[in-house]
Amino acid sequence: MKLWGGRFEKDTDKLLEEFNASIDVDARMYEQDIKGSIAHAMTLHKAGILSDDELKEIVDGLNGILNDIKEGKVEFTKENEDIHMNIEALLTSRIGEAGKKLHTARSRNDQVALDLRLYMRDEIKGIIELLKSMVNTLLDIAEDNVDTLMPGYTHLQRAQPITLAHHMLAYCSMFLRDIGRLEDCVKRMNFSPLGSGALAGTTYNLDREYTAQLLGFDGVTPNSLDAVSDRDHGIEFLSAAAIIMMHLSRFCEELVLWNSKEFSFIEMDDSFATGSSMMPQKKNPDAAELIRGKTGRVYGDLIALLTLMKGLPLAYNKDMQEDKEAIFDGIDTLKACIRVFDGMMKTIKFNKDNMRNSAKYGYMNATDMADYLVKKGMPFRKAHEVVGKVVKKALDDRCALEDLSIDTLRSFSDLFEDDIYEVLDLYKCVQSRSVIGGPAKEMVHMTINEFRKALT
């Protein structure tokens, strides 16, 4: 008989039993469910609902079930629908009447709301640690490449010279913001819904603050209707996850381009690349491409949960059982992508000469030439025009700006002197940009140190 079957005269149709069950999805929350049940039992004991002996029976029974699940000795059933009823049924079968008292002053509505918050809190903390490890990998690369010149791009056109370190720090900035978003998400979800019952609280004198304290929450939810029907924390997490995946995807897009023969900025390690079943020469950046592809999957998880919640009246509705598939998939996909990306970045080989040559022949010191003329007294718009003509001359002669003779440069403006060649040196172009946030070596080292501190 179902734990809720007292008012029913017929058994559940097998089709509905299969359709209704969520144990295949929510079984992963067994540890959080048991942890929450132990805290609830302790609160019931504090309220005088459970005796000392009953509390001990329940806690020992739940801990025994936890150990058996971890050792693979427990088989869940769809007859008991979900993880909550499976564990309660197991407990009652093991300890008898005391087990039947555990669900006093509790509904599966506030129970699942609790379990999901506990589970997500644990998982998000783990994701934050994965992101920190990945950012440290990028900072290591930056630290090793403060002098590695490369082109900076706008519109995927060579624009101004930067360093590989500066490029890495751009993504570190993104991922540090992502860590902040996840931390904020935990702050807003870290309130205990237990004691909200099905929707209207309970008539029992439960100390909800005590339960929250036992479970490491910052407080309790202030409204029982909202507590059991709120999935903002899931939506907020998936929003943050989608942004993280977008950042990973942008980076992977660049890696795919850089790995091509047309760029040849990097070479993927064999351990993070694959071959072709037909073309023997191929070495494909599949790890980066898969991360880029899985970004759409996490976007889909977010849209699925938003769509699920958009038309639901208060309070709990069975539709909300579908929330966990999107949340769990988002968690699993994000964790896998971060791990693979981190491993890929640890093994990438950077072709520094190709990066420098690409910077040299991209005329990216043209802005510095214009600034040189401005500092000599020429209006910027005039300087822009003059340098544009100089670039055209260099293009026609198939040479770099610094390869043009001083006589050739002076044919465009008398303001050019021999000191222009020092200005056009690519490394000095980078070093001259020493504002906070710029690519100059001193600024890059400062930013690396700040980011290292932020991670700790």
Protein backbone atom coordinates (compact mmCIF):
# COMPACT_ATOMS: atom_id res chain seq x y z
CA MET A 1 0.00 0.00 0.00
CA LYS A 2 1.22 3.51 -0.83
CA LEU A 3 2.28 5.66 2.12
CA TRP A 4 -0.40 8.12 0.97
CA GLY A 5 -2.99 5.48 -0.05
CA GLY A 6 -5.41 5.59 2.87
CA ARG A 7 -8.26 7.29 0.99
CA PHE A 8 -7.81 5.32 -2.24
CA GLU A 9 -9.79 2.18 -3.10
CA LYS A 10 -7.88 1.23 -6.26
CA ASP A 11 -4.22 0.51 -6.88
CA THR A 12 -2.29 2.94 -9.04
CA ASP A 13 -2.35 1.98 -12.70
CA LYS A 14 1.02 0.55 -13.73
CA LEU A 15 1.28 3.14 -16.49
CA LEU A 16 0.82 5.99 -14.02
CA GLU A 17 3.12 4.35 -11.49
CA GLU A 18 5.90 4.32 -14.09
CA PHE A 19 5.02 7.81 -15.32
CA ASN A 20 4.73 9.28 -11.83
CA ALA A 21 7.93 7.86 -10.35
CA SER A 22 11.00 10.09 -10.12
CA ILE A 23 13.34 7.74 -8.24
CA ASP A 24 15.53 7.26 -11.33
CA VAL A 25 16.26 10.99 -11.26
CA ASP A 26 16.17 12.04 -7.60
CA ALA A 27 17.96 9.00 -6.12
CA ARG A 28 21.17 11.03 -6.20
CA MET A 29 19.79 13.18 -3.34
CA TYR A 30 19.75 10.27 -0.87
CA GLU A 31 22.47 11.75 1.34
CA GLN A 32 20.75 15.13 1.56
CA ASP A 33 17.38 13.48 2.21
CA ILE A 34 18.80 11.47 5.10
CA LYS A 35 20.65 14.47 6.48
CA GLY A 36 17.43 16.51 6.37
CA SER A 37 15.42 13.70 7.98
CA ILE A 38 17.89 13.43 10.86
CA ALA A 39 17.63 17.18 11.47
CA HIS A 40 13.82 16.96 11.29
CA ALA A 41 13.84 14.09 13.79
CA MET A 42 15.98 16.12 16.17
CA THR A 43 13.53 19.03 15.84
CA LEU A 44 10.59 16.71 16.51
CA HIS A 45 12.42 15.48 19.62
CA LYS A 46 13.04 19.06 20.75
CA ALA A 47 9.30 19.70 20.37
CA GLY A 48 8.48 16.66 22.54
CA ILE A 49 6.99 14.66 19.64
CA LEU A 50 9.69 11.97 19.68
CA SER A 51 11.06 10.30 22.81
CA ASP A 52 14.77 9.83 23.40
CA ASP A 53 14.50 6.17 22.37
CA GLU A 54 12.51 6.97 19.23
CA LEU A 55 15.02 9.61 18.18
CA LYS A 56 17.88 7.16 18.63
CA GLU A 57 16.07 4.48 16.64
CA ILE A 58 15.37 6.87 13.80
CA VAL A 59 18.87 8.37 13.64
CA ASP A 60 20.57 4.97 13.88
CA GLY A 61 18.18 3.58 11.27
CA LEU A 62 18.80 6.44 8.85
CA ASN A 63 22.57 6.21 9.27
CA GLY A 64 22.36 2.49 8.62
CA ILE A 65 20.40 3.11 5.42
CA LEU A 66 22.97 5.72 4.37
CA ASN A 67 25.83 3.27 4.80
CA ASP A 68 23.96 0.55 2.95
CA ILE A 69 23.20 2.87 0.01
CA LYS A 70 26.86 3.85 -0.23
CA GLU A 71 27.85 0.19 -0.22
CA GLY A 72 25.34 -0.64 -2.94
CA LYS A 73 23.15 -2.80 -0.73
CA VAL A 74 19.90 -0.89 -1.32
CA GLU A 75 17.64 -1.22 -4.33
CA PHE A 76 15.09 1.56 -4.75
CA THR A 77 11.62 0.82 -6.16
CA LYS A 78 9.34 2.83 -8.43
CA GLU A 79 6.43 1.69 -6.28
CA ASN A 80 7.70 4.12 -3.66
CA GLU A 81 7.94 6.85 -6.32
CA ASP A 82 10.82 9.02 -5.12
CA ILE A 83 13.87 9.10 -2.87
CA HIS A 84 11.87 10.49 0.05
CA MET A 85 9.30 7.71 0.19
CA ASN A 86 11.89 5.03 -0.59
CA ILE A 87 13.97 6.00 2.41
CA GLU A 88 10.93 6.37 4.68
CA ALA A 89 9.65 2.95 3.61
CA LEU A 90 13.09 1.41 4.24
CA LEU A 91 13.26 3.05 7.65
CA THR A 92 9.81 1.82 8.69
CA SER A 93 10.59 -1.70 7.53
CA ARG A 94 13.73 -1.69 9.65
CA ILE A 95 12.66 0.00 12.90
CA GLY A 96 8.86 -0.29 12.87
CA GLU A 97 6.49 2.21 14.50
CA ALA A 98 9.11 4.84 15.29
CA GLY A 99 9.78 5.17 11.57
CA LYS A 100 6.14 6.07 10.97
CA LYS A 101 6.52 9.11 13.21
CA LEU A 102 9.31 10.71 11.17
CA HIS A 103 6.99 12.39 8.69
CA THR A 104 5.08 14.21 11.44
CA ALA A 105 4.85 17.96 10.67
CA ARG A 106 6.46 17.44 7.27
CA SER A 107 5.27 17.19 3.67
CA ARG A 108 7.14 15.92 0.66
CA ASN A 109 6.69 19.47 -0.60
CA ASP A 110 8.98 21.04 2.01
CA GLN A 111 11.10 17.89 2.08
CA VAL A 112 12.01 18.04 -1.62
CA ALA A 113 12.50 21.80 -1.38
CA LEU A 114 14.98 21.14 1.41
CA ASP A 115 16.79 18.29 -0.34
CA LEU A 116 17.22 20.27 -3.53
CA ARG A 117 18.69 23.25 -1.69
CA LEU A 118 21.08 21.02 0.24
CA TYR A 119 22.11 19.15 -2.91
CA MET A 120 22.61 22.29 -4.97
CA ARG A 121 24.54 23.96 -2.18
CA ASP A 122 26.97 21.03 -2.05
CA GLU A 123 27.31 20.85 -5.84
CA ILE A 124 27.79 24.59 -6.32
CA LYS A 125 30.58 24.63 -3.75
CA GLY A 126 32.25 21.85 -5.72
CA ILE A 127 31.80 23.75 -9.00
CA ILE A 128 33.35 26.85 -7.44
CA GLU A 129 36.42 24.79 -6.51
CA LEU A 130 36.65 23.44 -10.07
CA LEU A 131 36.47 26.99 -11.43
CA LYS A 132 39.17 28.15 -9.02
CA SER A 133 41.44 25.34 -10.16
CA MET A 134 40.79 26.25 -13.79
CA VAL A 135 41.47 29.95 -13.19
CA ASN A 136 44.74 29.04 -11.46
CA THR A 137 45.69 27.08 -14.58
CA LEU A 138 45.03 30.17 -16.71
CA LEU A 139 47.00 32.33 -14.27
CA ASP A 140 49.94 29.92 -14.53
CA ILE A 141 49.83 30.30 -18.31
CA ALA A 142 49.65 34.08 -17.95
CA GLU A 143 52.58 34.12 -15.56
CA ASP A 144 54.69 32.16 -18.04
CA ASN A 145 53.74 34.42 -20.97
CA VAL A 146 53.94 38.02 -19.82
CA ASP A 147 56.39 38.66 -22.68
CA THR A 148 54.67 36.52 -25.33
CA LEU A 149 53.48 38.97 -27.98
CA MET A 150 50.35 38.23 -30.00
CA PRO A 151 47.73 40.15 -31.94
CA GLY A 152 44.75 41.58 -30.16
CA TYR A 153 41.61 41.49 -32.29
CA THR A 154 38.40 43.36 -32.92
CA HIS A 155 35.99 42.07 -35.56
CA LEU A 156 38.42 39.12 -35.80
CA GLN A 157 40.83 41.57 -37.47
CA ARG A 158 44.28 42.26 -36.09
CA ALA A 159 44.00 45.44 -34.06
CA GLN A 160 46.73 46.15 -31.49
CA PRO A 161 49.59 44.12 -29.99
CA ILE A 162 49.00 42.50 -26.62
CA THR A 163 50.52 39.56 -24.76
CA LEU A 164 49.22 36.06 -24.28
CA ALA A 165 49.18 36.82 -20.55
CA HIS A 166 46.83 39.75 -21.11
CA HIS A 167 44.55 37.55 -23.22
CA MET A 168 44.43 34.86 -20.52
CA LEU A 169 43.59 37.46 -17.88
CA ALA A 170 40.55 38.57 -19.89
CA TYR A 171 39.05 35.11 -19.41
CA CYS A 172 40.18 34.98 -15.78
CA SER A 173 38.12 38.14 -15.25
CA MET A 174 35.06 36.42 -16.71
CA PHE A 175 35.45 33.28 -14.64
CA LEU A 176 36.02 35.25 -11.43
CA ARG A 177 32.71 37.01 -12.06
CA ASP A 178 31.16 33.57 -12.58
CA ILE A 179 32.47 32.45 -9.21
CA GLY A 180 30.89 35.55 -7.65
CA ARG A 181 27.55 34.76 -9.28
CA LEU A 182 27.61 31.21 -7.89
CA GLU A 183 28.51 32.49 -4.43
CA ASP A 184 25.60 34.93 -4.58
CA CYS A 185 23.31 32.11 -5.70
CA VAL A 186 24.25 30.08 -2.61
CA LYS A 187 23.62 33.08 -0.36
CA ARG A 188 20.06 33.46 -1.66
CA MET A 189 19.21 29.75 -1.52
CA ASN A 190 20.73 29.14 1.91
CA PHE A 191 17.48 29.31 3.88
CA SER A 192 15.64 26.30 5.26
CA PRO A 193 12.13 25.59 3.93
CA LEU A 194 11.57 22.71 6.37
CA GLY A 195 8.56 23.38 8.58
CA SER A 196 6.56 24.91 5.73
CA GLY A 197 4.59 21.68 5.36
CA ALA A 198 2.59 21.21 2.19
CA LEU A 199 1.93 24.94 1.85
CA ALA A 200 0.59 26.41 5.13
CA GLY A 201 3.11 25.43 7.78
CA THR A 202 2.22 23.12 10.64
CA THR A 203 0.24 23.13 13.88
CA TYR A 204 3.16 21.55 15.73
CA ASN A 205 5.46 23.82 17.71
CA LEU A 206 8.58 23.27 15.61
CA ASP A 207 11.73 25.32 16.15
CA ARG A 208 12.51 26.04 12.50
CA GLU A 209 15.59 28.09 13.40
CA TYR A 210 16.98 25.07 15.24
CA THR A 211 16.49 22.89 12.16
CA ALA A 212 18.14 25.53 9.96
CA GLN A 213 21.10 25.72 12.33
CA LEU A 214 21.55 21.95 12.29
CA LEU A 215 21.67 21.98 8.50
CA GLY A 216 24.02 24.95 8.14
CA PHE A 217 21.47 27.40 6.76
CA ASP A 218 21.64 31.14 7.35
CA GLY A 219 18.00 31.25 8.41
CA VAL A 220 14.50 30.07 7.51
CA THR A 221 12.23 30.92 4.60
CA PRO A 222 9.75 33.63 5.67
CA ASN A 223 6.69 32.41 3.75
CA SER A 224 5.48 28.81 3.57
CA LEU A 225 3.73 29.20 0.20
CA ASP A 226 6.88 30.54 -1.41
CA ALA A 227 9.10 28.04 0.38
CA VAL A 228 7.52 24.97 -1.22
CA SER A 229 6.97 26.46 -4.67
CA ASP A 230 10.17 28.48 -5.12
CA ARG A 231 12.65 27.23 -7.70
CA ASP A 232 14.40 30.56 -8.18
CA HIS A 233 17.60 29.01 -6.84
CA GLY A 234 17.51 26.42 -9.63
CA ILE A 235 16.82 29.08 -12.25
CA GLU A 236 19.51 31.35 -10.84
CA PHE A 237 22.04 28.53 -10.83
CA LEU A 238 21.24 27.54 -14.41
CA SER A 239 21.49 31.22 -15.42
CA ALA A 240 24.96 31.37 -13.88
CA ALA A 241 25.83 28.01 -15.46
CA ALA A 242 24.71 29.26 -18.88
CA ILE A 243 26.96 32.31 -18.53
CA ILE A 244 29.90 30.13 -17.51
CA MET A 245 29.28 27.90 -20.51
CA MET A 246 29.10 30.98 -22.75
CA HIS A 247 32.52 32.05 -21.47
CA LEU A 248 33.93 28.56 -22.00
CA SER A 249 32.41 28.47 -25.48
CA ARG A 250 33.97 31.80 -26.48
CA PHE A 251 37.36 30.59 -25.30
CA CYS A 252 36.91 27.26 -27.10
CA GLU A 253 35.98 29.06 -30.31
CA GLU A 254 39.29 30.91 -30.14
CA LEU A 255 41.18 27.70 -29.39
CA VAL A 256 39.60 26.02 -32.42
CA LEU A 257 40.70 28.97 -34.58
CA TRP A 258 44.17 29.13 -33.02
CA ASN A 259 44.61 25.39 -33.56
CA SER A 260 43.97 25.70 -37.31
CA LYS A 261 46.89 25.82 -39.76
CA GLU A 262 45.70 29.27 -40.78
CA PHE A 263 46.51 30.59 -37.28
CA SER A 264 48.92 27.97 -35.89
CA PHE A 265 49.03 29.75 -32.54
CA ILE A 266 48.60 26.52 -30.56
CA GLU A 267 48.83 22.79 -30.86
CA MET A 268 46.41 20.61 -28.93
CA ASP A 269 48.01 17.82 -26.96
CA ASP A 270 47.35 14.33 -28.33
CA SER A 271 45.58 13.45 -25.09
CA PHE A 272 42.92 16.11 -25.72
CA ALA A 273 42.48 15.69 -29.47
CA THR A 274 41.00 13.04 -31.74
CA GLY A 275 41.63 11.77 -35.27
CA SER A 276 39.57 11.11 -38.37
CA SER A 277 38.26 7.69 -39.32
CA MET A 278 38.98 8.51 -42.97
CA MET A 279 41.76 11.12 -43.15
CA PRO A 280 44.97 9.91 -41.48
CA GLN A 281 46.54 13.36 -41.20
CA LYS A 282 43.77 14.90 -39.12
CA LYS A 283 44.09 16.01 -35.50
CA ASN A 284 40.78 17.49 -34.41
CA PRO A 285 40.17 19.83 -31.43
CA ASP A 286 37.13 17.80 -30.37
CA ALA A 287 37.40 18.67 -26.67
CA ALA A 288 37.01 22.38 -27.42
CA GLU A 289 34.28 21.74 -29.98
CA LEU A 290 32.29 19.55 -27.61
CA ILE A 291 32.40 22.16 -24.85
CA ARG A 292 31.23 24.72 -27.39
CA GLY A 293 28.42 22.37 -28.39
CA LYS A 294 27.36 21.49 -24.85
CA THR A 295 26.80 25.18 -24.16
CA GLY A 296 23.50 24.89 -26.05
CA ARG A 297 22.53 21.98 -23.82
CA VAL A 298 22.89 24.07 -20.65
CA TYR A 299 20.98 26.92 -22.31
CA GLY A 300 18.25 24.35 -22.95
CA ASP A 301 18.22 23.33 -19.28
CA LEU A 302 17.69 26.97 -18.29
CA ILE A 303 14.90 27.51 -20.81
CA ALA A 304 13.26 24.21 -19.75
CA LEU A 305 13.09 25.29 -16.10
CA LEU A 306 11.94 28.82 -16.91
CA THR A 307 9.20 27.40 -19.14
CA LEU A 308 8.24 24.83 -16.51
CA MET A 309 7.70 27.51 -13.86
CA LYS A 310 6.19 30.32 -15.92
CA GLY A 311 2.50 29.31 -15.65
CA LEU A 312 2.31 27.65 -12.23
CA PRO A 313 -0.10 29.00 -9.60
CA LEU A 314 0.85 28.80 -5.93
CA ALA A 315 1.85 26.57 -4.33
CA TYR A 316 3.37 23.20 -5.26
CA ASN A 317 2.34 21.55 -8.54
CA LYS A 318 3.40 18.14 -9.82
CA ASP A 319 4.97 19.87 -12.84
CA MET A 320 7.78 20.83 -10.50
CA GLN A 321 8.93 17.22 -10.31
CA GLU A 322 10.49 17.95 -13.72
CA ASP A 323 12.80 20.61 -12.25
CA LYS A 324 15.50 18.19 -11.17
CA GLU A 325 16.29 16.77 -14.60
CA ALA A 326 17.20 20.22 -15.90
CA ILE A 327 19.12 21.19 -12.76
CA PHE A 328 21.01 17.90 -12.51
CA ASP A 329 21.87 17.92 -16.22
CA GLY A 330 23.13 21.49 -15.93
CA ILE A 331 25.29 20.54 -12.94
CA ASP A 332 26.70 17.41 -14.60
CA THR A 333 27.38 19.08 -17.95
CA LEU A 334 29.03 22.13 -16.40
CA LYS A 335 31.30 20.05 -14.15
CA ALA A 336 32.38 17.81 -17.03
CA CYS A 337 33.14 20.80 -19.27
CA ILE A 338 35.20 22.62 -16.62
CA ARG A 339 37.25 19.50 -15.90
CA VAL A 340 37.94 18.82 -19.59
CA PHE A 341 38.73 22.48 -20.30
CA ASP A 342 41.16 22.63 -17.38
CA GLY A 343 42.94 19.48 -18.54
CA MET A 344 43.07 20.75 -22.12
CA MET A 345 44.59 24.09 -21.07
CA LYS A 346 47.21 22.38 -18.91
CA THR A 347 48.52 20.48 -21.96
CA ILE A 348 48.28 23.05 -24.79
CA LYS A 349 51.50 24.06 -26.56
CA PHE A 350 51.69 27.74 -27.55
CA ASN A 351 53.56 28.60 -30.76
CA LYS A 352 55.07 31.87 -29.55
CA ASP A 353 57.01 32.68 -32.74
CA ASN A 354 53.85 32.41 -34.84
CA MET A 355 52.01 34.67 -32.43
CA ARG A 356 54.76 37.30 -32.58
CA ASN A 357 55.05 37.17 -36.37
CA SER A 358 51.31 37.53 -36.70
CA ALA A 359 51.52 40.64 -34.54
CA LYS A 360 54.46 42.07 -36.53
CA TYR A 361 52.85 41.81 -39.94
CA GLY A 362 49.41 42.97 -38.84
CA TYR A 363 50.39 46.70 -38.73
CA MET A 364 49.14 46.80 -35.17
CA ASN A 365 51.60 49.51 -34.20
CA ALA A 366 49.78 51.95 -36.50
CA THR A 367 47.90 53.49 -33.56
CA ASP A 368 51.22 54.08 -31.80
CA MET A 369 52.53 55.82 -34.94
CA ALA A 370 49.46 58.08 -34.94
CA ASP A 371 49.93 58.82 -31.23
CA TYR A 372 53.57 59.71 -31.99
CA LEU A 373 52.48 62.35 -34.49
CA VAL A 374 49.85 63.69 -32.06
CA LYS A 375 52.51 64.11 -29.38
CA LYS A 376 54.52 66.07 -31.95
CA GLY A 377 51.60 68.49 -32.34
CA MET A 378 49.53 67.04 -35.20
CA PRO A 379 45.73 66.84 -34.68
CA PHE A 380 44.61 63.24 -34.21
CA ARG A 381 42.32 63.15 -37.26
CA LYS A 382 45.18 64.38 -39.47
CA ALA A 383 47.55 61.88 -37.87
CA HIS A 384 45.02 59.10 -38.51
CA GLU A 385 44.93 60.06 -42.19
CA VAL A 386 48.72 60.26 -42.54
CA VAL A 387 49.30 56.89 -40.89
CA GLY A 388 46.60 55.31 -43.04
CA LYS A 389 48.62 56.36 -46.09
CA VAL A 390 51.82 55.01 -44.52
CA VAL A 391 50.10 51.66 -43.93
CA LYS A 392 48.99 51.62 -47.58
CA LYS A 393 52.60 52.16 -48.62
CA ALA A 394 53.80 49.32 -46.37
CA LEU A 395 51.10 47.04 -47.80
CA ASP A 396 52.17 47.87 -51.34
CA ASP A 397 55.82 47.20 -50.45
CA ARG A 398 54.87 44.06 -48.49
CA CYS A 399 56.81 45.10 -45.42
CA ALA A 400 56.21 46.08 -41.81
CA LEU A 401 55.86 49.73 -40.77
CA GLU A 402 59.21 49.60 -38.97
CA ASP A 403 60.86 48.38 -42.19
CA LEU A 404 60.09 51.64 -44.03
CA SER A 405 63.04 54.03 -44.26
CA ILE A 406 63.01 57.35 -42.45
CA ASP A 407 63.09 59.14 -45.82
CA THR A 408 59.95 57.26 -46.89
CA LEU A 409 58.22 58.16 -43.63
CA ARG A 410 59.23 61.83 -43.91
CA SER A 411 57.65 61.94 -47.37
CA PHE A 412 54.34 61.63 -45.51
CA SER A 413 55.19 64.05 -42.66
CA ASP A 414 58.21 66.11 -41.60
CA LEU A 415 57.36 65.27 -37.97
CA PHE A 416 58.85 61.80 -38.31
CA GLU A 417 62.29 61.46 -36.70
CA ASP A 418 64.59 58.50 -36.05
CA ASP A 419 62.93 57.98 -32.67
CA ILE A 420 59.82 56.65 -34.47
CA TYR A 421 61.46 53.23 -34.72
CA GLU A 422 61.62 52.93 -30.96
CA VAL A 423 57.90 53.76 -30.80
CA LEU A 424 57.11 51.10 -33.42
CA ASP A 425 58.83 48.30 -31.51
CA LEU A 426 55.97 45.90 -30.71
CA TYR A 427 57.19 45.06 -27.23
CA LYS A 428 57.46 48.77 -26.39
CA CYS A 429 53.99 49.33 -27.85
CA VAL A 430 52.68 46.89 -25.27
CA GLN A 431 54.81 48.28 -22.43
CA SER A 432 53.63 51.83 -23.13
CA ARG A 433 50.07 50.79 -22.22
CA SER A 434 50.70 50.83 -18.51
CA VAL A 435 47.29 51.98 -17.32
CA ILE A 436 45.48 49.77 -14.80
CA GLY A 437 43.99 46.88 -16.73
CA GLY A 438 46.42 47.34 -19.62
CA PRO A 439 48.80 44.79 -21.15
CA ALA A 440 52.07 46.28 -19.86
CA LYS A 441 54.17 43.77 -17.93
CA GLU A 442 53.91 45.64 -14.63
CA MET A 443 50.12 45.86 -14.90
CA VAL A 444 49.80 42.21 -15.88
CA HIS A 445 51.84 41.09 -12.87
CA MET A 446 49.69 43.29 -10.62
CA THR A 447 46.50 41.78 -12.04
CA ILE A 448 47.81 38.22 -11.66
CA ASN A 449 48.58 38.90 -7.99
CA GLU A 450 45.13 40.44 -7.43
CA PHE A 451 43.43 37.46 -9.05
CA ARG A 452 45.47 35.00 -6.98
CA LYS A 453 44.34 36.80 -3.83
CA ALA A 454 40.73 36.80 -5.03
CA LEU A 455 40.85 33.02 -5.40
CA THR A 456 41.90 32.56 -1.78
